[in-house]
Amino acid sequence: MHIVTVKHIKEAGVQHQETANELAAWVKIVESVTWASFLDVRNTFLDADSVDGYVVFNIRHNRYRLITIIHYARARNGKLTMGHVYIRSVLTHREYDNKSNWDKGVS
């Protein structure tokens, strides 16, 4: 999968230093897989949730939430496209409760 924009992940790791290693591991995993559906995501990350068109990942034992939008890989001309994961925001659990924060980038 191609991650758009990894910069948000790096900024979150700087701002919330306790998330840096886990976010870096998440990036490494996601860049090495191809997801064609949410079921593929759940097979990789058991605690991922699909919420109103977003895919939400728990970070640091649910203390943070990584909010994404995923355009899954599709078959085109007999080949599977790469697919894209769009980073919308990295939020504390409390910030996540206010859905207006979901598309604001790193907080």
C-alpha atoms as a PDB file:
ATOM      1  CA  MET A   1       0.000   0.000   0.000  1.00  0.00           C
ATOM      2  CA  HIS A   2       1.123   3.542  -0.653  1.00  0.00           C
ATOM      3  CA  ILE A   3       0.756   5.864   2.357  1.00  0.00           C
ATOM      4  CA  VAL A   4      -0.338   9.449   1.681  1.00  0.00           C
ATOM      5  CA  THR A   5       1.137  11.427   3.599  1.00  0.00           C
ATOM      6  CA  VAL A   6       3.792   9.728   5.715  1.00  0.00           C
ATOM      7  CA  LYS A   7       4.738  13.236   6.892  1.00  0.00           C
ATOM      8  CA  HIS A   8       1.676  13.237   9.184  1.00  0.00           C
ATOM      9  CA  ILE A   9       2.881  10.026  10.818  1.00  0.00           C
ATOM     10  CA  LYS A  10       6.343  11.492  11.407  1.00  0.00           C
ATOM     11  CA  GLU A  11       4.874  14.718  12.838  1.00  0.00           C
ATOM     12  CA  ALA A  12       2.695  12.694  15.214  1.00  0.00           C
ATOM     13  CA  GLY A  13       5.733  10.710  16.350  1.00  0.00           C
ATOM     14  CA  VAL A  14       7.519  13.959  17.183  1.00  0.00           C
ATOM     15  CA  GLN A  15       4.516  15.545  18.887  1.00  0.00           C
ATOM     16  CA  HIS A  16       3.525  12.380  20.777  1.00  0.00           C
ATOM     17  CA  GLN A  17       6.920  10.756  21.280  1.00  0.00           C
ATOM     18  CA  GLU A  18       5.468   7.699  23.001  1.00  0.00           C
ATOM     19  CA  THR A  19       3.798   6.776  19.666  1.00  0.00           C
ATOM     20  CA  ALA A  20       6.899   7.067  17.457  1.00  0.00           C
ATOM     21  CA  ASN A  21       8.013   3.423  17.497  1.00  0.00           C
ATOM     22  CA  GLU A  22       4.526   2.007  17.105  1.00  0.00           C
ATOM     23  CA  LEU A  23       3.688   4.388  14.250  1.00  0.00           C
ATOM     24  CA  ALA A  24       6.978   3.521  12.515  1.00  0.00           C
ATOM     25  CA  ALA A  25       6.140  -0.187  12.829  1.00  0.00           C
ATOM     26  CA  TRP A  26       2.638   0.495  11.446  1.00  0.00           C
ATOM     27  CA  VAL A  27       4.154   2.263   8.415  1.00  0.00           C
ATOM     28  CA  LYS A  28       6.547  -0.614   7.760  1.00  0.00           C
ATOM     29  CA  ILE A  29       3.729  -3.163   7.867  1.00  0.00           C
ATOM     30  CA  VAL A  30       1.334  -1.138   5.709  1.00  0.00           C
ATOM     31  CA  GLU A  31       3.951  -0.429   3.042  1.00  0.00           C
ATOM     32  CA  SER A  32       4.573  -4.179   2.726  1.00  0.00           C
ATOM     33  CA  VAL A  33       0.954  -5.326   2.186  1.00  0.00           C
ATOM     34  CA  THR A  34      -1.750  -5.007  -0.438  1.00  0.00           C
ATOM     35  CA  TRP A  35      -5.296  -4.638   0.859  1.00  0.00           C
ATOM     36  CA  ALA A  36      -8.249  -5.270  -1.439  1.00  0.00           C
ATOM     37  CA  SER A  37     -10.893  -4.939   1.290  1.00  0.00           C
ATOM     38  CA  PHE A  38     -11.451  -4.088   4.927  1.00  0.00           C
ATOM     39  CA  LEU A  39     -11.277  -7.816   5.685  1.00  0.00           C
ATOM     40  CA  ASP A  40      -7.637  -7.715   4.548  1.00  0.00           C
ATOM     41  CA  VAL A  41      -7.018  -4.823   6.948  1.00  0.00           C
ATOM     42  CA  ARG A  42      -8.583  -6.802   9.824  1.00  0.00           C
ATOM     43  CA  ASN A  43      -6.411  -9.791   8.985  1.00  0.00           C
ATOM     44  CA  THR A  44      -3.368  -7.535   9.459  1.00  0.00           C
ATOM     45  CA  PHE A  45      -4.614  -5.381  12.361  1.00  0.00           C
ATOM     46  CA  LEU A  46      -7.224  -7.195  14.436  1.00  0.00           C
ATOM     47  CA  ASP A  47      -8.343  -4.057  16.274  1.00  0.00           C
ATOM     48  CA  ALA A  48      -8.869  -1.870  13.180  1.00  0.00           C
ATOM     49  CA  ASP A  49     -12.386  -0.456  12.864  1.00  0.00           C
ATOM     50  CA  SER A  50     -14.370   0.793   9.894  1.00  0.00           C
ATOM     51  CA  VAL A  51     -16.316   3.909  10.914  1.00  0.00           C
ATOM     52  CA  ASP A  52     -18.348   5.970   8.436  1.00  0.00           C
ATOM     53  CA  GLY A  53     -15.902   5.509   5.556  1.00  0.00           C
ATOM     54  CA  TYR A  54     -12.783   5.846   7.699  1.00  0.00           C
ATOM     55  CA  VAL A  55     -10.513   3.078   8.935  1.00  0.00           C
ATOM     56  CA  VAL A  56      -9.358   3.672  12.503  1.00  0.00           C
ATOM     57  CA  PHE A  57      -6.296   2.037  14.046  1.00  0.00           C
ATOM     58  CA  ASN A  58      -5.597   1.869  17.782  1.00  0.00           C
ATOM     59  CA  ILE A  59      -2.137   3.099  18.747  1.00  0.00           C
ATOM     60  CA  ARG A  60      -0.451   2.654  22.139  1.00  0.00           C
ATOM     61  CA  HIS A  61      -3.096   0.324  23.537  1.00  0.00           C
ATOM     62  CA  ASN A  62      -5.977   2.538  22.448  1.00  0.00           C
ATOM     63  CA  ARG A  63      -4.525   5.758  23.907  1.00  0.00           C
ATOM     64  CA  TYR A  64      -4.236   7.196  20.392  1.00  0.00           C
ATOM     65  CA  ARG A  65      -6.200   6.717  17.190  1.00  0.00           C
ATOM     66  CA  LEU A  66      -4.812   6.798  13.686  1.00  0.00           C
ATOM     67  CA  ILE A  67      -7.596   7.937  11.343  1.00  0.00           C
ATOM     68  CA  THR A  68      -7.266   6.922   7.691  1.00  0.00           C
ATOM     69  CA  ILE A  69      -9.208   6.651   4.478  1.00  0.00           C
ATOM     70  CA  ILE A  70      -8.256   3.665   2.361  1.00  0.00           C
ATOM     71  CA  HIS A  71      -8.606   3.291  -1.388  1.00  0.00           C
ATOM     72  CA  TYR A  72      -8.192  -0.447  -1.716  1.00  0.00           C
ATOM     73  CA  ALA A  73      -6.184  -2.212  -4.391  1.00  0.00           C
ATOM     74  CA  ARG A  74      -8.291  -3.191  -7.418  1.00  0.00           C
ATOM     75  CA  ALA A  75      -7.836  -5.469 -10.365  1.00  0.00           C
ATOM     76  CA  ARG A  76      -7.139  -3.455 -13.506  1.00  0.00           C
ATOM     77  CA  ASN A  77      -6.101  -5.021 -16.817  1.00  0.00           C
ATOM     78  CA  GLY A  78      -5.363  -8.287 -15.045  1.00  0.00           C
ATOM     79  CA  LYS A  79      -3.095  -6.661 -12.449  1.00  0.00           C
ATOM     80  CA  LEU A  80      -3.746  -5.537  -8.903  1.00  0.00           C
ATOM     81  CA  THR A  81      -3.289  -1.791  -8.344  1.00  0.00           C
ATOM     82  CA  MET A  82      -1.225  -0.647  -5.356  1.00  0.00           C
ATOM     83  CA  GLY A  83      -3.949   0.938  -3.234  1.00  0.00           C
ATOM     84  CA  HIS A  84      -3.560   4.034  -1.063  1.00  0.00           C
ATOM     85  CA  VAL A  85      -3.900   4.803   2.646  1.00  0.00           C
ATOM     86  CA  TYR A  86      -4.620   8.476   3.310  1.00  0.00           C
ATOM     87  CA  ILE A  87      -3.603   9.678   6.763  1.00  0.00           C
ATOM     88  CA  ARG A  88      -6.290  12.005   8.094  1.00  0.00           C
ATOM     89  CA  SER A  89      -5.130  12.485  11.688  1.00  0.00           C
ATOM     90  CA  VAL A  90      -3.465  11.010  14.743  1.00  0.00           C
ATOM     91  CA  LEU A  91      -5.552  11.799  17.808  1.00  0.00           C
ATOM     92  CA  THR A  92      -5.573  11.134  21.502  1.00  0.00           C
ATOM     93  CA  HIS A  93      -8.455   8.981  22.633  1.00  0.00           C
ATOM     94  CA  ARG A  94     -10.221  12.092  23.978  1.00  0.00           C
ATOM     95  CA  GLU A  95      -9.742  14.049  20.711  1.00  0.00           C
ATOM     96  CA  TYR A  96     -11.102  11.086  18.759  1.00  0.00           C
ATOM     97  CA  ASP A  97     -14.466  11.416  20.501  1.00  0.00           C
ATOM     98  CA  ASN A  98     -15.083  14.680  18.585  1.00  0.00           C
ATOM     99  CA  LYS A  99     -15.512  13.580  14.966  1.00  0.00           C
ATOM    100  CA  SER A 100     -14.810  17.099  13.699  1.00  0.00           C
ATOM    101  CA  ASN A 101     -11.137  16.411  14.584  1.00  0.00           C
ATOM    102  CA  TRP A 102     -10.824  13.455  12.231  1.00  0.00           C
ATOM    103  CA  ASP A 103      -9.741  15.415   9.147  1.00  0.00           C
ATOM    104  CA  LYS A 104      -7.492  17.978  10.814  1.00  0.00           C
ATOM    105  CA  GLY A 105      -4.086  16.328  10.445  1.00  0.00           C
ATOM    106  CA  VAL A 106      -1.854  15.736  13.446  1.00  0.00           C
ATOM    107  CA  SER A 107      -3.028  17.172  16.744  1.00  0.00           C
END
